[in-house]
Amino acid sequence: MIARDTIIAEFKTIFDPEINLDIWTMGLIYEINIKNENEIHILMTYTTPMCPFGAQIKQQVAEKLTDLNFKKIDIEITFNPPWKPSDDLRIMLGI
């Protein structure tokens, strides 16, 4: 079975084009649920509901999971709770 750390490492290679940080560091991934060696569920969000790069980011997540040989990939987008940068991320971004 694929290790959670391997999946996280892949998520760290997907960057939000607006902020130029990876989606893991940004906190856009809320949950990783590996159901079995072929099936995975991801709960994630975007920076805003109208994120212009949302579809692109979701597609990249699906591609990375496919590359890890997952056959059934469920990517759920939620805005509950809405994304809010952590204090550490705010410092990194200078906001």
N, C-alpha and C. Protein backbone atom coordinates (compact mmCIF):
# COMPACT_ATOMS: atom_id res chain seq x y z
N MET A 1 0.84 -1.18 0.00
CA MET A 1 0.00 0.00 0.00
C MET A 1 0.89 1.25 0.00
N ILE A 2 0.44 2.25 -0.72
CA ILE A 2 1.17 3.52 -0.81
C ILE A 2 1.15 4.22 0.55
N ALA A 3 2.30 4.68 0.99
CA ALA A 3 2.39 5.38 2.27
C ALA A 3 1.84 6.80 2.15
N ARG A 4 1.24 7.26 3.22
CA ARG A 4 0.70 8.62 3.28
C ARG A 4 1.79 9.65 2.97
N ASP A 5 3.00 9.41 3.47
CA ASP A 5 4.11 10.34 3.22
C ASP A 5 4.44 10.46 1.73
N THR A 6 4.27 9.38 0.99
CA THR A 6 4.50 9.40 -0.45
C THR A 6 3.48 10.29 -1.14
N ILE A 7 2.24 10.19 -0.71
CA ILE A 7 1.17 11.03 -1.27
C ILE A 7 1.43 12.49 -0.94
N ILE A 8 1.79 12.77 0.29
CA ILE A 8 2.08 14.14 0.70
C ILE A 8 3.24 14.71 -0.11
N ALA A 9 4.26 13.90 -0.34
CA ALA A 9 5.40 14.35 -1.15
C ALA A 9 4.94 14.75 -2.56
N GLU A 10 3.99 14.00 -3.11
CA GLU A 10 3.46 14.35 -4.44
C GLU A 10 2.67 15.65 -4.38
N PHE A 11 1.88 15.84 -3.33
CA PHE A 11 1.11 17.08 -3.18
C PHE A 11 2.02 18.29 -3.05
N LYS A 12 3.21 18.08 -2.52
CA LYS A 12 4.17 19.18 -2.37
C LYS A 12 4.78 19.60 -3.70
N THR A 13 4.46 18.88 -4.78
CA THR A 13 4.95 19.25 -6.11
C THR A 13 3.87 19.97 -6.93
N ILE A 14 2.69 20.16 -6.34
CA ILE A 14 1.59 20.86 -7.01
C ILE A 14 1.51 22.27 -6.42
N PHE A 15 1.69 23.27 -7.27
CA PHE A 15 1.74 24.65 -6.81
C PHE A 15 0.50 25.43 -7.23
N ASP A 16 0.02 26.26 -6.32
CA ASP A 16 -1.04 27.21 -6.64
C ASP A 16 -0.38 28.34 -7.44
N PRO A 17 -0.78 28.54 -8.69
CA PRO A 17 -0.11 29.54 -9.54
C PRO A 17 -0.21 30.97 -9.01
N GLU A 18 -1.26 31.28 -8.27
CA GLU A 18 -1.42 32.65 -7.77
C GLU A 18 -0.47 32.95 -6.62
N ILE A 19 -0.26 31.97 -5.75
CA ILE A 19 0.52 32.19 -4.54
C ILE A 19 1.93 31.61 -4.67
N ASN A 20 2.11 30.68 -5.61
CA ASN A 20 3.39 30.03 -5.86
C ASN A 20 3.90 29.25 -4.66
N LEU A 21 2.98 28.60 -3.97
CA LEU A 21 3.30 27.66 -2.89
C LEU A 21 2.58 26.36 -3.18
N ASP A 22 3.12 25.28 -2.63
CA ASP A 22 2.49 23.99 -2.88
C ASP A 22 1.20 23.84 -2.06
N ILE A 23 0.31 23.00 -2.56
CA ILE A 23 -1.02 22.88 -1.95
C ILE A 23 -0.98 22.23 -0.57
N TRP A 24 0.06 21.45 -0.28
CA TRP A 24 0.17 20.85 1.06
C TRP A 24 0.57 21.93 2.08
N THR A 25 1.60 22.68 1.77
CA THR A 25 2.05 23.74 2.67
C THR A 25 0.96 24.78 2.89
N MET A 26 0.18 25.05 1.85
CA MET A 26 -0.90 26.02 1.95
C MET A 26 -2.05 25.53 2.82
N GLY A 27 -2.12 24.23 3.04
CA GLY A 27 -3.21 23.69 3.84
C GLY A 27 -4.49 23.46 3.05
N LEU A 28 -4.37 23.28 1.74
CA LEU A 28 -5.55 23.04 0.91
C LEU A 28 -6.05 21.60 1.00
N ILE A 29 -5.21 20.70 1.46
CA ILE A 29 -5.61 19.30 1.63
C ILE A 29 -6.07 19.12 3.07
N TYR A 30 -7.35 18.80 3.23
CA TYR A 30 -7.91 18.62 4.57
C TYR A 30 -7.81 17.18 5.04
N GLU A 31 -7.93 16.23 4.12
CA GLU A 31 -8.01 14.83 4.53
C GLU A 31 -7.50 13.92 3.42
N ILE A 32 -6.75 12.90 3.81
CA ILE A 32 -6.30 11.84 2.91
C ILE A 32 -6.81 10.54 3.49
N ASN A 33 -7.68 9.86 2.76
CA ASN A 33 -8.25 8.61 3.24
C ASN A 33 -7.92 7.50 2.24
N ILE A 34 -6.90 6.71 2.56
CA ILE A 34 -6.51 5.59 1.70
C ILE A 34 -7.40 4.42 2.08
N LYS A 35 -8.32 4.08 1.19
CA LYS A 35 -9.30 3.03 1.51
C LYS A 35 -8.70 1.64 1.31
N ASN A 36 -7.92 1.47 0.27
CA ASN A 36 -7.16 0.25 0.01
C ASN A 36 -6.09 0.59 -1.01
N GLU A 37 -5.36 -0.39 -1.49
CA GLU A 37 -4.23 -0.09 -2.39
C GLU A 37 -4.65 0.54 -3.71
N ASN A 38 -5.94 0.43 -4.07
CA ASN A 38 -6.41 0.98 -5.34
C ASN A 38 -7.34 2.17 -5.20
N GLU A 39 -7.76 2.48 -3.99
CA GLU A 39 -8.82 3.47 -3.80
C GLU A 39 -8.43 4.52 -2.76
N ILE A 40 -8.70 5.79 -3.12
CA ILE A 40 -8.34 6.90 -2.22
C ILE A 40 -9.40 7.99 -2.29
N HIS A 41 -9.61 8.64 -1.17
CA HIS A 41 -10.51 9.79 -1.08
C HIS A 41 -9.71 10.97 -0.54
N ILE A 42 -9.81 12.09 -1.24
CA ILE A 42 -9.14 13.32 -0.83
C ILE A 42 -10.21 14.38 -0.58
N LEU A 43 -10.13 15.02 0.58
CA LEU A 43 -10.98 16.16 0.89
C LEU A 43 -10.09 17.38 0.85
N MET A 44 -10.44 18.32 -0.01
CA MET A 44 -9.59 19.49 -0.17
C MET A 44 -10.44 20.73 -0.43
N THR A 45 -9.78 21.85 -0.47
CA THR A 45 -10.45 23.12 -0.74
C THR A 45 -9.60 23.93 -1.70
N TYR A 46 -10.12 25.07 -2.07
CA TYR A 46 -9.38 26.06 -2.84
C TYR A 46 -9.27 27.32 -1.99
N THR A 47 -8.45 28.26 -2.42
CA THR A 47 -8.30 29.49 -1.64
C THR A 47 -9.60 30.28 -1.58
N THR A 48 -10.40 30.20 -2.63
CA THR A 48 -11.73 30.83 -2.67
C THR A 48 -12.64 29.95 -3.52
N PRO A 49 -13.95 30.05 -3.34
CA PRO A 49 -14.86 29.28 -4.19
C PRO A 49 -14.73 29.62 -5.68
N MET A 50 -14.28 30.81 -5.99
CA MET A 50 -14.13 31.22 -7.40
C MET A 50 -12.69 31.14 -7.88
N CYS A 51 -11.88 30.33 -7.23
CA CYS A 51 -10.47 30.19 -7.59
C CYS A 51 -10.34 29.87 -9.09
N PRO A 52 -9.66 30.73 -9.86
CA PRO A 52 -9.55 30.50 -11.29
C PRO A 52 -8.70 29.27 -11.65
N PHE A 53 -7.92 28.77 -10.70
CA PHE A 53 -7.06 27.63 -10.96
C PHE A 53 -7.57 26.35 -10.30
N GLY A 54 -8.77 26.39 -9.73
CA GLY A 54 -9.32 25.24 -9.01
C GLY A 54 -9.36 23.97 -9.85
N ALA A 55 -9.92 24.05 -11.04
CA ALA A 55 -10.02 22.86 -11.89
C ALA A 55 -8.64 22.33 -12.25
N GLN A 56 -7.71 23.22 -12.51
CA GLN A 56 -6.34 22.82 -12.85
C GLN A 56 -5.67 22.11 -11.67
N ILE A 57 -5.84 22.64 -10.47
CA ILE A 57 -5.25 22.03 -9.28
C ILE A 57 -5.86 20.66 -9.03
N LYS A 58 -7.18 20.56 -9.14
CA LYS A 58 -7.86 19.27 -8.94
C LYS A 58 -7.36 18.25 -9.96
N GLN A 59 -7.19 18.66 -11.21
CA GLN A 59 -6.69 17.76 -12.25
C GLN A 59 -5.27 17.29 -11.92
N GLN A 60 -4.44 18.17 -11.43
CA GLN A 60 -3.07 17.79 -11.07
C GLN A 60 -3.07 16.80 -9.91
N VAL A 61 -3.95 16.99 -8.94
CA VAL A 61 -4.08 16.04 -7.83
C VAL A 61 -4.46 14.67 -8.39
N ALA A 62 -5.45 14.63 -9.27
CA ALA A 62 -5.89 13.36 -9.86
C ALA A 62 -4.75 12.70 -10.63
N GLU A 63 -3.99 13.47 -11.38
CA GLU A 63 -2.87 12.92 -12.16
C GLU A 63 -1.80 12.33 -11.25
N LYS A 64 -1.46 13.03 -10.17
CA LYS A 64 -0.45 12.51 -9.23
C LYS A 64 -0.91 11.21 -8.60
N LEU A 65 -2.20 11.13 -8.24
CA LEU A 65 -2.72 9.91 -7.63
C LEU A 65 -2.79 8.77 -8.64
N THR A 66 -3.10 9.08 -9.88
CA THR A 66 -3.08 8.07 -10.94
C THR A 66 -1.66 7.55 -11.14
N ASP A 67 -0.69 8.45 -11.11
CA ASP A 67 0.72 8.05 -11.24
C ASP A 67 1.15 7.11 -10.11
N LEU A 68 0.48 7.23 -8.95
CA LEU A 68 0.77 6.34 -7.81
C LEU A 68 -0.03 5.05 -7.88
N ASN A 69 -0.70 4.83 -9.01
CA ASN A 69 -1.44 3.60 -9.32
C ASN A 69 -2.77 3.45 -8.58
N PHE A 70 -3.34 4.56 -8.11
CA PHE A 70 -4.70 4.46 -7.58
C PHE A 70 -5.65 4.35 -8.76
N LYS A 71 -6.60 3.45 -8.66
CA LYS A 71 -7.57 3.22 -9.74
C LYS A 71 -8.87 3.97 -9.50
N LYS A 72 -9.30 4.04 -8.25
CA LYS A 72 -10.53 4.76 -7.91
C LYS A 72 -10.12 5.97 -7.06
N ILE A 73 -10.29 7.14 -7.65
CA ILE A 73 -9.86 8.39 -7.02
C ILE A 73 -11.08 9.28 -6.82
N ASP A 74 -11.35 9.61 -5.57
CA ASP A 74 -12.47 10.49 -5.24
C ASP A 74 -11.89 11.76 -4.63
N ILE A 75 -12.03 12.86 -5.35
CA ILE A 75 -11.54 14.15 -4.86
C ILE A 75 -12.76 15.01 -4.57
N GLU A 76 -12.96 15.28 -3.31
CA GLU A 76 -14.10 16.08 -2.86
C GLU A 76 -13.62 17.49 -2.52
N ILE A 77 -14.29 18.47 -3.11
CA ILE A 77 -13.98 19.87 -2.84
C ILE A 77 -14.99 20.40 -1.83
N THR A 78 -14.49 21.05 -0.80
CA THR A 78 -15.36 21.63 0.22
C THR A 78 -14.91 23.05 0.54
N PHE A 79 -15.86 23.82 1.01
CA PHE A 79 -15.53 25.15 1.53
C PHE A 79 -16.02 25.28 2.96
N ASN A 80 -16.16 24.12 3.59
CA ASN A 80 -16.58 24.05 4.98
C ASN A 80 -15.57 23.23 5.76
N PRO A 81 -14.62 23.83 6.42
CA PRO A 81 -14.48 25.27 6.60
C PRO A 81 -13.80 25.91 5.40
N PRO A 82 -14.03 27.20 5.22
CA PRO A 82 -13.31 27.90 4.15
C PRO A 82 -11.82 27.94 4.47
N TRP A 83 -11.02 27.99 3.42
CA TRP A 83 -9.57 28.04 3.61
C TRP A 83 -9.18 29.31 4.33
N LYS A 84 -8.27 29.16 5.28
CA LYS A 84 -7.71 30.29 6.01
C LYS A 84 -6.24 29.97 6.22
N PRO A 85 -5.34 30.84 5.77
CA PRO A 85 -3.92 30.55 5.96
C PRO A 85 -3.56 30.48 7.44
N SER A 86 -2.72 29.51 7.77
CA SER A 86 -2.24 29.37 9.15
C SER A 86 -1.37 30.58 9.50
N ASP A 87 -1.10 30.74 10.78
CA ASP A 87 -0.23 31.84 11.22
C ASP A 87 1.15 31.73 10.58
N ASP A 88 1.69 30.50 10.52
CA ASP A 88 3.01 30.29 9.90
C ASP A 88 2.98 30.67 8.42
N LEU A 89 1.90 30.30 7.74
CA LEU A 89 1.78 30.63 6.32
C LEU A 89 1.64 32.14 6.12
N ARG A 90 0.92 32.78 6.99
CA ARG A 90 0.79 34.25 6.91
C ARG A 90 2.16 34.91 7.03
N ILE A 91 2.98 34.39 7.91
CA ILE A 91 4.34 34.93 8.07
C ILE A 91 5.14 34.69 6.80
N MET A 92 5.04 33.47 6.24
CA MET A 92 5.76 33.16 4.99
C MET A 92 5.35 34.10 3.86
N LEU A 93 4.04 34.41 3.81
CA LEU A 93 3.51 35.24 2.74
C LEU A 93 3.65 36.73 3.02
N GLY A 94 4.01 37.05 4.25
CA GLY A 94 4.15 38.45 4.62
C GLY A 94 2.83 39.19 4.75
N ILE A 95 1.80 38.44 5.19
CA ILE A 95 0.48 39.09 5.35
C ILE A 95 0.04 39.07 6.80
